[in-house]
Amino acid sequence: MYEVRLSQDADKFISKLNSQIQERIIERLKKLSLDPIPSDSKFIERTNFGEKIFRYRIGDFRALYIIQEETERVIVTKIDKRSRVYN
């Protein structure tokens, strides 16, 4: 089972949303602990360190995350609306 962590930016973004949307996003992110690469995620690119960056769709929002296989962690680096998440 993987540990799911939020970056400071991702946590800050979630905290600004209304509670109903917060719960929906958090519930979806928890599912990454059981399956870090679900069928509705998509590989985006590799970091300079060779880590894979994935995109996870959560309604109108997108979460970008990195999987650290050796420590069994999923690090959610960014969450935002689809139109802004890739900037």
N, C-alpha and C. Protein backbone atom coordinates (compact mmCIF):
# COMPACT_ATOMS: atom_id res chain seq x y z
N MET A 1 0.85 -1.18 0.00
CA MET A 1 0.00 0.00 0.00
C MET A 1 0.89 1.24 0.00
N TYR A 2 0.56 2.17 -0.87
CA TYR A 2 1.35 3.40 -1.01
C TYR A 2 0.84 4.48 -0.07
N GLU A 3 1.75 5.33 0.35
CA GLU A 3 1.40 6.49 1.16
C GLU A 3 1.18 7.66 0.20
N VAL A 4 0.04 8.35 0.34
CA VAL A 4 -0.26 9.50 -0.52
C VAL A 4 0.03 10.77 0.27
N ARG A 5 0.88 11.62 -0.31
CA ARG A 5 1.22 12.90 0.32
C ARG A 5 0.90 14.04 -0.64
N LEU A 6 0.54 15.16 -0.07
CA LEU A 6 0.26 16.36 -0.86
C LEU A 6 1.41 17.34 -0.72
N SER A 7 1.78 17.97 -1.83
CA SER A 7 2.77 19.04 -1.75
C SER A 7 2.10 20.24 -1.07
N GLN A 8 2.89 21.21 -0.70
CA GLN A 8 2.35 22.41 -0.06
C GLN A 8 1.38 23.12 -0.99
N ASP A 9 1.71 23.20 -2.29
CA ASP A 9 0.84 23.86 -3.27
C ASP A 9 -0.49 23.12 -3.42
N ALA A 10 -0.44 21.79 -3.49
CA ALA A 10 -1.66 21.00 -3.64
C ALA A 10 -2.55 21.15 -2.40
N ASP A 11 -1.94 21.10 -1.23
CA ASP A 11 -2.69 21.24 0.02
C ASP A 11 -3.34 22.63 0.11
N LYS A 12 -2.62 23.64 -0.28
CA LYS A 12 -3.13 25.01 -0.26
C LYS A 12 -4.32 25.16 -1.22
N PHE A 13 -4.22 24.57 -2.41
CA PHE A 13 -5.30 24.65 -3.38
C PHE A 13 -6.57 23.99 -2.84
N ILE A 14 -6.42 22.80 -2.26
CA ILE A 14 -7.58 22.08 -1.72
C ILE A 14 -8.23 22.87 -0.59
N SER A 15 -7.42 23.49 0.24
CA SER A 15 -7.96 24.22 1.40
C SER A 15 -8.84 25.41 0.99
N LYS A 16 -8.67 25.90 -0.23
CA LYS A 16 -9.45 27.04 -0.70
C LYS A 16 -10.81 26.64 -1.30
N LEU A 17 -11.02 25.35 -1.51
CA LEU A 17 -12.25 24.86 -2.11
C LEU A 17 -13.33 24.67 -1.06
N ASN A 18 -14.59 24.59 -1.51
CA ASN A 18 -15.66 24.32 -0.55
C ASN A 18 -15.55 22.88 -0.07
N SER A 19 -16.13 22.60 1.07
CA SER A 19 -15.92 21.31 1.74
C SER A 19 -16.40 20.12 0.92
N GLN A 20 -17.46 20.27 0.16
CA GLN A 20 -17.97 19.16 -0.64
C GLN A 20 -16.97 18.76 -1.73
N ILE A 21 -16.37 19.74 -2.39
CA ILE A 21 -15.38 19.45 -3.43
C ILE A 21 -14.09 18.92 -2.79
N GLN A 22 -13.72 19.47 -1.63
CA GLN A 22 -12.54 18.97 -0.92
C GLN A 22 -12.67 17.48 -0.64
N GLU A 23 -13.82 17.08 -0.11
CA GLU A 23 -14.04 15.67 0.22
C GLU A 23 -13.96 14.78 -1.01
N ARG A 24 -14.54 15.25 -2.11
CA ARG A 24 -14.52 14.48 -3.35
C ARG A 24 -13.09 14.27 -3.84
N ILE A 25 -12.29 15.32 -3.83
CA ILE A 25 -10.90 15.22 -4.28
C ILE A 25 -10.09 14.33 -3.35
N ILE A 26 -10.25 14.51 -2.06
CA ILE A 26 -9.50 13.70 -1.09
C ILE A 26 -9.85 12.22 -1.21
N GLU A 27 -11.12 11.91 -1.40
CA GLU A 27 -11.54 10.50 -1.55
C GLU A 27 -10.91 9.87 -2.79
N ARG A 28 -10.87 10.63 -3.88
CA ARG A 28 -10.25 10.12 -5.11
C ARG A 28 -8.74 9.92 -4.92
N LEU A 29 -8.10 10.85 -4.24
CA LEU A 29 -6.66 10.73 -4.03
C LEU A 29 -6.32 9.55 -3.12
N LYS A 30 -7.18 9.24 -2.17
CA LYS A 30 -6.95 8.10 -1.29
C LYS A 30 -6.90 6.80 -2.08
N LYS A 31 -7.63 6.73 -3.18
CA LYS A 31 -7.64 5.52 -4.00
C LYS A 31 -6.27 5.23 -4.61
N LEU A 32 -5.44 6.27 -4.74
CA LEU A 32 -4.09 6.08 -5.28
C LEU A 32 -3.22 5.24 -4.36
N SER A 33 -3.57 5.16 -3.07
CA SER A 33 -2.77 4.35 -2.15
C SER A 33 -2.90 2.86 -2.47
N LEU A 34 -4.04 2.47 -3.00
CA LEU A 34 -4.25 1.06 -3.36
C LEU A 34 -3.78 0.75 -4.77
N ASP A 35 -3.95 1.71 -5.67
CA ASP A 35 -3.57 1.53 -7.07
C ASP A 35 -2.98 2.84 -7.58
N PRO A 36 -1.65 3.00 -7.52
CA PRO A 36 -1.04 4.28 -7.89
C PRO A 36 -1.14 4.62 -9.38
N ILE A 37 -1.45 3.64 -10.20
CA ILE A 37 -1.63 3.91 -11.63
C ILE A 37 -2.98 3.33 -12.07
N PRO A 38 -4.09 3.99 -11.68
CA PRO A 38 -5.40 3.48 -12.09
C PRO A 38 -5.60 3.64 -13.60
N SER A 39 -6.60 2.97 -14.12
CA SER A 39 -6.82 2.98 -15.57
C SER A 39 -7.15 4.37 -16.11
N ASP A 40 -7.67 5.27 -15.26
CA ASP A 40 -8.00 6.61 -15.73
C ASP A 40 -6.90 7.63 -15.47
N SER A 41 -5.71 7.17 -15.12
CA SER A 41 -4.56 8.08 -15.00
C SER A 41 -3.79 8.03 -16.32
N LYS A 42 -2.94 9.02 -16.52
CA LYS A 42 -2.18 9.08 -17.77
C LYS A 42 -0.76 9.54 -17.49
N PHE A 43 0.20 8.83 -18.08
CA PHE A 43 1.61 9.22 -17.97
C PHE A 43 1.81 10.51 -18.75
N ILE A 44 2.48 11.51 -18.14
CA ILE A 44 2.72 12.80 -18.78
C ILE A 44 4.18 12.91 -19.25
N GLU A 45 5.12 12.78 -18.32
CA GLU A 45 6.55 12.92 -18.65
C GLU A 45 7.39 12.42 -17.49
N ARG A 46 8.69 12.49 -17.65
CA ARG A 46 9.63 12.15 -16.58
C ARG A 46 10.26 13.42 -16.04
N THR A 47 10.58 13.41 -14.74
CA THR A 47 11.29 14.53 -14.14
C THR A 47 12.76 14.41 -14.49
N ASN A 48 13.54 15.39 -14.10
CA ASN A 48 15.00 15.35 -14.32
C ASN A 48 15.65 14.20 -13.56
N PHE A 49 14.98 13.71 -12.52
CA PHE A 49 15.50 12.62 -11.70
C PHE A 49 15.00 11.26 -12.17
N GLY A 50 14.24 11.24 -13.27
CA GLY A 50 13.75 9.99 -13.82
C GLY A 50 12.43 9.51 -13.26
N GLU A 51 11.83 10.29 -12.37
CA GLU A 51 10.54 9.90 -11.80
C GLU A 51 9.43 10.18 -12.82
N LYS A 52 8.43 9.32 -12.84
CA LYS A 52 7.33 9.49 -13.78
C LYS A 52 6.27 10.41 -13.20
N ILE A 53 5.78 11.34 -14.04
CA ILE A 53 4.70 12.23 -13.64
C ILE A 53 3.42 11.74 -14.32
N PHE A 54 2.37 11.59 -13.51
CA PHE A 54 1.08 11.14 -14.01
C PHE A 54 0.02 12.21 -13.80
N ARG A 55 -1.01 12.15 -14.61
CA ARG A 55 -2.17 13.01 -14.46
C ARG A 55 -3.35 12.15 -14.02
N TYR A 56 -4.14 12.68 -13.08
CA TYR A 56 -5.30 11.95 -12.56
C TYR A 56 -6.50 12.88 -12.66
N ARG A 57 -7.52 12.44 -13.34
CA ARG A 57 -8.70 13.26 -13.56
C ARG A 57 -9.67 13.12 -12.39
N ILE A 58 -10.10 14.29 -11.87
CA ILE A 58 -11.07 14.31 -10.77
C ILE A 58 -12.13 15.35 -11.15
N GLY A 59 -13.11 14.94 -11.94
CA GLY A 59 -14.13 15.88 -12.41
C GLY A 59 -13.51 16.96 -13.27
N ASP A 60 -13.74 18.22 -12.92
CA ASP A 60 -13.18 19.36 -13.65
C ASP A 60 -11.73 19.64 -13.25
N PHE A 61 -11.23 18.92 -12.29
CA PHE A 61 -9.88 19.15 -11.77
C PHE A 61 -8.93 18.07 -12.27
N ARG A 62 -7.64 18.40 -12.24
CA ARG A 62 -6.60 17.44 -12.57
C ARG A 62 -5.56 17.47 -11.46
N ALA A 63 -5.07 16.31 -11.10
CA ALA A 63 -3.99 16.20 -10.12
C ALA A 63 -2.77 15.65 -10.84
N LEU A 64 -1.64 16.28 -10.65
CA LEU A 64 -0.38 15.78 -11.17
C LEU A 64 0.38 15.15 -10.01
N TYR A 65 0.92 13.96 -10.23
CA TYR A 65 1.60 13.28 -9.12
C TYR A 65 2.78 12.46 -9.62
N ILE A 66 3.66 12.19 -8.68
CA ILE A 66 4.87 11.41 -8.92
C ILE A 66 4.79 10.15 -8.06
N ILE A 67 5.22 9.04 -8.62
CA ILE A 67 5.27 7.79 -7.85
C ILE A 67 6.73 7.52 -7.49
N GLN A 68 6.98 7.38 -6.19
CA GLN A 68 8.31 7.01 -5.71
C GLN A 68 8.24 5.54 -5.30
N GLU A 69 8.63 4.69 -6.23
CA GLU A 69 8.48 3.24 -6.05
C GLU A 69 9.29 2.71 -4.87
N GLU A 70 10.53 3.20 -4.71
CA GLU A 70 11.41 2.65 -3.67
C GLU A 70 10.88 2.92 -2.26
N THR A 71 10.17 4.04 -2.06
CA THR A 71 9.63 4.36 -0.74
C THR A 71 8.12 4.14 -0.68
N GLU A 72 7.54 3.66 -1.77
CA GLU A 72 6.10 3.41 -1.89
C GLU A 72 5.28 4.64 -1.49
N ARG A 73 5.62 5.76 -2.16
CA ARG A 73 4.91 7.02 -1.93
C ARG A 73 4.36 7.56 -3.23
N VAL A 74 3.21 8.20 -3.12
CA VAL A 74 2.63 8.97 -4.21
C VAL A 74 2.64 10.42 -3.74
N ILE A 75 3.34 11.28 -4.46
CA ILE A 75 3.43 12.68 -4.10
C ILE A 75 2.58 13.48 -5.09
N VAL A 76 1.48 14.06 -4.60
CA VAL A 76 0.63 14.90 -5.43
C VAL A 76 1.27 16.28 -5.45
N THR A 77 1.77 16.67 -6.61
CA THR A 77 2.52 17.92 -6.71
C THR A 77 1.65 19.12 -7.03
N LYS A 78 0.56 18.89 -7.76
CA LYS A 78 -0.27 20.03 -8.16
C LYS A 78 -1.70 19.57 -8.43
N ILE A 79 -2.65 20.40 -8.02
CA ILE A 79 -4.07 20.18 -8.33
C ILE A 79 -4.61 21.51 -8.82
N ASP A 80 -5.36 21.47 -9.90
CA ASP A 80 -5.95 22.71 -10.42
C ASP A 80 -7.00 22.35 -11.47
N LYS A 81 -7.64 23.37 -11.97
CA LYS A 81 -8.59 23.19 -13.08
C LYS A 81 -7.81 22.69 -14.30
N ARG A 82 -8.48 22.01 -15.17
CA ARG A 82 -7.84 21.43 -16.35
C ARG A 82 -7.10 22.48 -17.17
N SER A 83 -7.68 23.65 -17.33
CA SER A 83 -7.08 24.68 -18.17
C SER A 83 -5.80 25.27 -17.60
N ARG A 84 -5.58 25.13 -16.27
CA ARG A 84 -4.41 25.75 -15.64
C ARG A 84 -3.38 24.78 -15.10
N VAL A 85 -3.70 23.53 -14.98
CA VAL A 85 -2.83 22.60 -14.26
C VAL A 85 -1.48 22.39 -14.95
N TYR A 86 -1.42 22.50 -16.25
CA TYR A 86 -0.18 22.20 -16.97
C TYR A 86 0.74 23.41 -17.10
N ASN A 87 0.33 24.56 -16.62
CA ASN A 87 1.18 25.77 -16.70
C ASN A 87 2.24 25.77 -15.63
